[in-house]
Amino acid sequence: MSGQVVFVSGIDTEIGKTVVTGWLARQWLDDGRSVITQKLVQTGCVGASDDILLHRRIMGTGLFDEDHDGTTMPVLFAYPASPHLAARLEKRALDLAAIEKATECLRARYDTVLLEGAGGLMVPLTDTLLTIDHVAERGWPVLLVTSGRLGSINHTLLSLEAIAARGIALHGVAWNHRDDSSDELIANDSRGFIREWVRTRFPQACWYDVPRLELG
């Protein structure tokens, strides 16, 4: 039986998807689950995915065999931009078939694959394909990462509406406390508002409070 894929996205870039992915993988490993992480596509890297390396640091596992052979990081681009632009600058197409093959390989070996995207849900993978539409085509449930930064309510609700409009299952929402506003009143109120919004409109969804991790 193939394992489950959970797609990890966020309300914006630099919202903490990588930290949340590594943290959740660590929790599930500690619970005895068979889990690995994968990066859908990584830009701004050469040779290895910085995000995968951070996952392993947080998980405390060291590198997997699937990291060494590139299965967890099948497509890398050097320029730190959205995938469609990074691919264009290197004059090569985003190899969706290679990504799909890598994901299927991981699903055959692990119960759960936490598949981290690049940026937010509306980031273009190609000139004609948005990340959210690729996720919808694959039928992957989404874990949405948000935080208490100013503006997060707007961005979170827009992301949730886009998920619902495409019939995508919401696995859960991860609240990244490391990215909270320095204004504790804003952070706490935003968390309460968004959690209640999720509870009433997505009652099946999980809620994860991700602590402030010391990454060194």
Protein backbone atom coordinates (compact mmCIF):
# COMPACT_ATOMS: atom_id res chain seq x y z
CA MET A 1 0.00 0.00 0.00
CA SER A 2 1.29 3.46 -0.88
CA GLY A 3 1.84 6.01 1.84
CA GLN A 4 -0.04 9.28 2.27
CA VAL A 5 1.25 12.60 0.94
CA VAL A 6 0.57 15.74 2.97
CA PHE A 7 1.44 18.91 1.08
CA VAL A 8 2.90 21.67 3.26
CA SER A 9 2.23 25.20 2.08
CA GLY A 10 2.05 28.61 3.70
CA ILE A 11 0.26 31.91 3.58
CA ASP A 12 3.39 33.64 2.26
CA THR A 13 7.07 33.13 1.68
CA GLU A 14 9.29 32.95 4.79
CA ILE A 15 6.35 31.94 6.98
CA GLY A 16 8.16 28.92 8.40
CA LYS A 17 7.14 25.99 6.18
CA THR A 18 10.56 24.37 6.46
CA VAL A 19 10.71 24.59 10.24
CA VAL A 20 7.15 23.30 10.57
CA THR A 21 7.80 20.42 8.16
CA GLY A 22 10.87 19.30 10.10
CA TRP A 23 9.16 19.74 13.47
CA LEU A 24 6.06 17.75 12.48
CA ALA A 25 8.17 14.99 10.95
CA ARG A 26 10.06 14.78 14.25
CA GLN A 27 6.80 14.52 16.23
CA TRP A 28 5.53 11.75 14.02
CA LEU A 29 8.83 9.87 14.13
CA ASP A 30 8.74 10.06 17.92
CA ASP A 31 5.23 8.58 17.77
CA GLY A 32 6.61 5.61 15.85
CA ARG A 33 5.34 6.62 12.41
CA SER A 34 7.27 5.97 9.23
CA VAL A 35 7.74 9.43 7.74
CA ILE A 36 10.05 11.28 5.38
CA THR A 37 10.07 14.79 3.95
CA GLN A 38 10.45 15.89 0.35
CA LYS A 39 10.88 19.25 -1.35
CA LEU A 40 8.61 19.70 -4.38
CA VAL A 41 11.07 22.10 -5.99
CA GLN A 42 13.85 24.20 -4.46
CA THR A 43 15.19 27.45 -5.83
CA GLY A 44 18.27 29.32 -4.66
CA CYS A 45 20.25 26.11 -4.21
CA VAL A 46 22.96 24.18 -6.03
CA GLY A 47 23.79 20.55 -5.28
CA ALA A 48 21.47 20.03 -2.34
CA SER A 49 18.24 21.43 -0.92
CA ASP A 50 18.83 23.73 2.03
CA ASP A 51 15.29 22.99 3.21
CA ILE A 52 15.85 19.22 3.27
CA LEU A 53 19.08 19.74 5.22
CA LEU A 54 17.18 21.83 7.78
CA HIS A 55 14.45 19.18 8.01
CA ARG A 56 17.08 16.61 8.97
CA ARG A 57 18.64 18.90 11.58
CA ILE A 58 15.29 19.39 13.25
CA MET A 59 14.39 15.72 12.93
CA GLY A 60 17.76 14.70 14.38
CA THR A 61 18.10 11.82 11.92
CA GLY A 62 21.05 12.67 9.74
CA LEU A 63 20.63 12.31 6.00
CA PHE A 64 18.49 9.52 4.54
CA ASP A 65 19.60 7.33 1.65
CA GLU A 66 16.89 9.10 -0.36
CA ASP A 67 18.63 12.43 0.35
CA HIS A 68 21.96 11.16 -0.91
CA ASP A 69 20.47 9.92 -4.18
CA GLY A 70 18.35 13.05 -4.70
CA THR A 71 14.92 11.45 -4.34
CA THR A 72 13.84 13.95 -1.68
CA MET A 73 15.09 16.92 -3.72
CA PRO A 74 14.46 15.99 -7.36
CA VAL A 75 14.46 19.49 -8.87
CA LEU A 76 16.83 22.30 -7.89
CA PHE A 77 17.34 25.72 -9.46
CA ALA A 78 20.10 28.16 -8.61
CA TYR A 79 18.25 31.47 -8.80
CA PRO A 80 16.20 32.37 -5.67
CA ALA A 81 12.88 33.10 -7.38
CA SER A 82 9.56 31.43 -8.07
CA PRO A 83 10.04 28.12 -9.95
CA HIS A 84 8.67 29.37 -13.27
CA LEU A 85 11.22 32.20 -13.38
CA ALA A 86 14.13 30.17 -12.03
CA ALA A 87 13.50 27.50 -14.67
CA ARG A 88 13.28 30.09 -17.44
CA LEU A 89 16.61 31.64 -16.40
CA GLU A 90 18.29 28.23 -16.63
CA LYS A 91 16.56 27.54 -19.96
CA ARG A 92 15.13 24.24 -18.79
CA ALA A 93 11.62 23.07 -18.00
CA LEU A 94 10.40 22.11 -14.55
CA ASP A 95 10.43 18.31 -14.69
CA LEU A 96 7.08 17.44 -13.13
CA ALA A 97 7.48 13.80 -14.17
CA ALA A 98 10.72 13.53 -12.18
CA ILE A 99 9.02 15.05 -9.14
CA GLU A 100 6.07 12.66 -9.41
CA LYS A 101 8.40 9.68 -9.79
CA ALA A 102 10.33 10.71 -6.68
CA THR A 103 7.15 11.14 -4.65
CA GLU A 104 5.84 7.75 -5.69
CA CYS A 105 9.15 6.16 -4.74
CA LEU A 106 8.93 7.69 -1.27
CA ARG A 107 5.28 6.68 -0.90
CA ALA A 108 6.27 3.08 -1.59
CA ARG A 109 8.78 3.15 1.29
CA TYR A 110 7.14 5.34 3.94
CA ASP A 111 3.70 5.68 5.50
CA THR A 112 3.74 9.47 5.18
CA VAL A 113 5.52 11.91 2.90
CA LEU A 114 5.52 15.53 4.06
CA LEU A 115 5.94 17.34 0.75
CA GLU A 116 7.00 20.96 1.19
CA GLY A 117 6.14 23.43 -1.54
CA ALA A 118 7.94 26.61 -2.60
CA GLY A 119 6.34 29.81 -1.31
CA GLY A 120 2.58 30.04 -1.05
CA LEU A 121 -0.28 28.26 -2.76
CA MET A 122 -0.53 30.62 -5.73
CA VAL A 123 3.15 30.43 -6.65
CA PRO A 124 3.52 29.51 -10.35
CA LEU A 125 5.38 26.29 -11.01
CA THR A 126 5.31 27.01 -14.75
CA ASP A 127 3.89 29.83 -16.87
CA THR A 128 0.54 28.00 -16.92
CA LEU A 129 0.42 25.95 -13.72
CA LEU A 130 -0.06 27.28 -10.19
CA THR A 131 1.06 25.26 -7.19
CA ILE A 132 -2.49 25.02 -5.84
CA ASP A 133 -3.81 23.58 -9.11
CA HIS A 134 -1.03 20.99 -9.17
CA VAL A 135 -1.96 20.00 -5.61
CA ALA A 136 -5.65 19.77 -6.55
CA GLU A 137 -4.84 17.56 -9.56
CA ARG A 138 -2.87 15.18 -7.34
CA GLY A 139 -5.53 15.09 -4.62
CA TRP A 140 -3.09 15.88 -1.83
CA PRO A 141 -4.41 17.25 1.47
CA VAL A 142 -2.79 20.51 2.58
CA LEU A 143 -1.16 21.56 5.82
CA LEU A 144 -1.26 25.36 5.85
CA VAL A 145 1.41 27.21 7.81
CA THR A 146 0.55 30.58 9.32
CA SER A 147 1.55 32.74 12.27
CA GLY A 148 0.68 35.77 14.34
CA ARG A 149 2.45 38.30 12.14
CA LEU A 150 0.44 41.40 11.26
CA GLY A 151 -1.71 40.65 8.20
CA SER A 152 -1.86 36.91 8.77
CA ILE A 153 -5.64 36.84 9.24
CA ASN A 154 -6.24 38.17 5.74
CA HIS A 155 -3.66 35.91 4.10
CA THR A 156 -4.80 32.83 6.03
CA LEU A 157 -8.48 33.26 5.21
CA LEU A 158 -7.72 33.88 1.53
CA SER A 159 -5.62 30.70 1.44
CA LEU A 160 -8.36 28.69 3.15
CA GLU A 161 -10.95 29.98 0.68
CA ALA A 162 -8.73 29.01 -2.25
CA ILE A 163 -8.26 25.53 -0.79
CA ALA A 164 -12.01 25.07 -0.31
CA ALA A 165 -12.86 26.46 -3.76
CA ARG A 166 -10.71 23.79 -5.42
CA GLY A 167 -12.10 20.96 -3.31
CA ILE A 168 -8.76 20.31 -1.61
CA ALA A 169 -8.86 18.59 1.78
CA LEU A 170 -7.39 20.62 4.62
CA HIS A 171 -5.23 18.29 6.70
CA GLY A 172 -4.62 21.04 9.20
CA VAL A 173 -3.25 24.44 10.11
CA ALA A 174 0.15 24.87 11.76
CA TRP A 175 0.66 27.96 13.88
CA ASN A 176 4.33 28.91 13.73
CA HIS A 177 5.01 30.79 16.97
CA ARG A 178 8.56 31.55 15.82
CA ASP A 179 7.08 34.00 13.31
CA ASP A 180 4.62 35.71 15.67
CA SER A 181 4.34 39.48 15.77
CA SER A 182 6.42 41.19 18.44
CA ASP A 183 3.08 42.65 19.57
CA GLU A 184 1.75 39.89 21.81
CA LEU A 185 -1.79 41.30 21.70
CA ILE A 186 -1.89 41.01 17.89
CA ALA A 187 -0.33 37.53 17.89
CA ASN A 188 -2.72 36.12 20.50
CA ASP A 189 -5.82 37.67 19.00
CA SER A 190 -4.90 36.48 15.49
CA ARG A 191 -4.35 32.95 16.77
CA GLY A 192 -7.71 32.90 18.54
CA PHE A 193 -9.56 34.28 15.53
CA ILE A 194 -7.99 31.89 13.02
CA ARG A 195 -8.32 28.85 15.26
CA GLU A 196 -12.04 29.49 15.74
CA TRP A 197 -12.45 30.07 12.00
CA VAL A 198 -10.82 26.71 11.27
CA ARG A 199 -12.78 24.92 14.01
CA THR A 200 -16.15 26.04 12.69
CA ARG A 201 -15.51 25.77 8.95
CA PHE A 202 -13.01 22.89 8.77
CA PRO A 203 -13.95 20.76 11.79
CA GLN A 204 -12.00 17.76 10.53
CA ALA A 205 -8.72 19.71 10.30
CA CYS A 206 -5.89 19.29 12.79
CA TRP A 207 -4.36 22.22 14.64
CA TYR A 208 -0.64 22.29 15.42
CA ASP A 209 1.02 24.80 17.73
CA VAL A 210 4.66 24.85 16.65
CA PRO A 211 6.96 26.25 19.35
CA ARG A 212 9.83 28.68 18.85
CA LEU A 213 12.65 26.32 17.91
CA GLU A 214 16.27 27.17 18.59
CA LEU A 215 17.98 26.46 15.30
CA GLY A 216 21.46 27.66 16.21
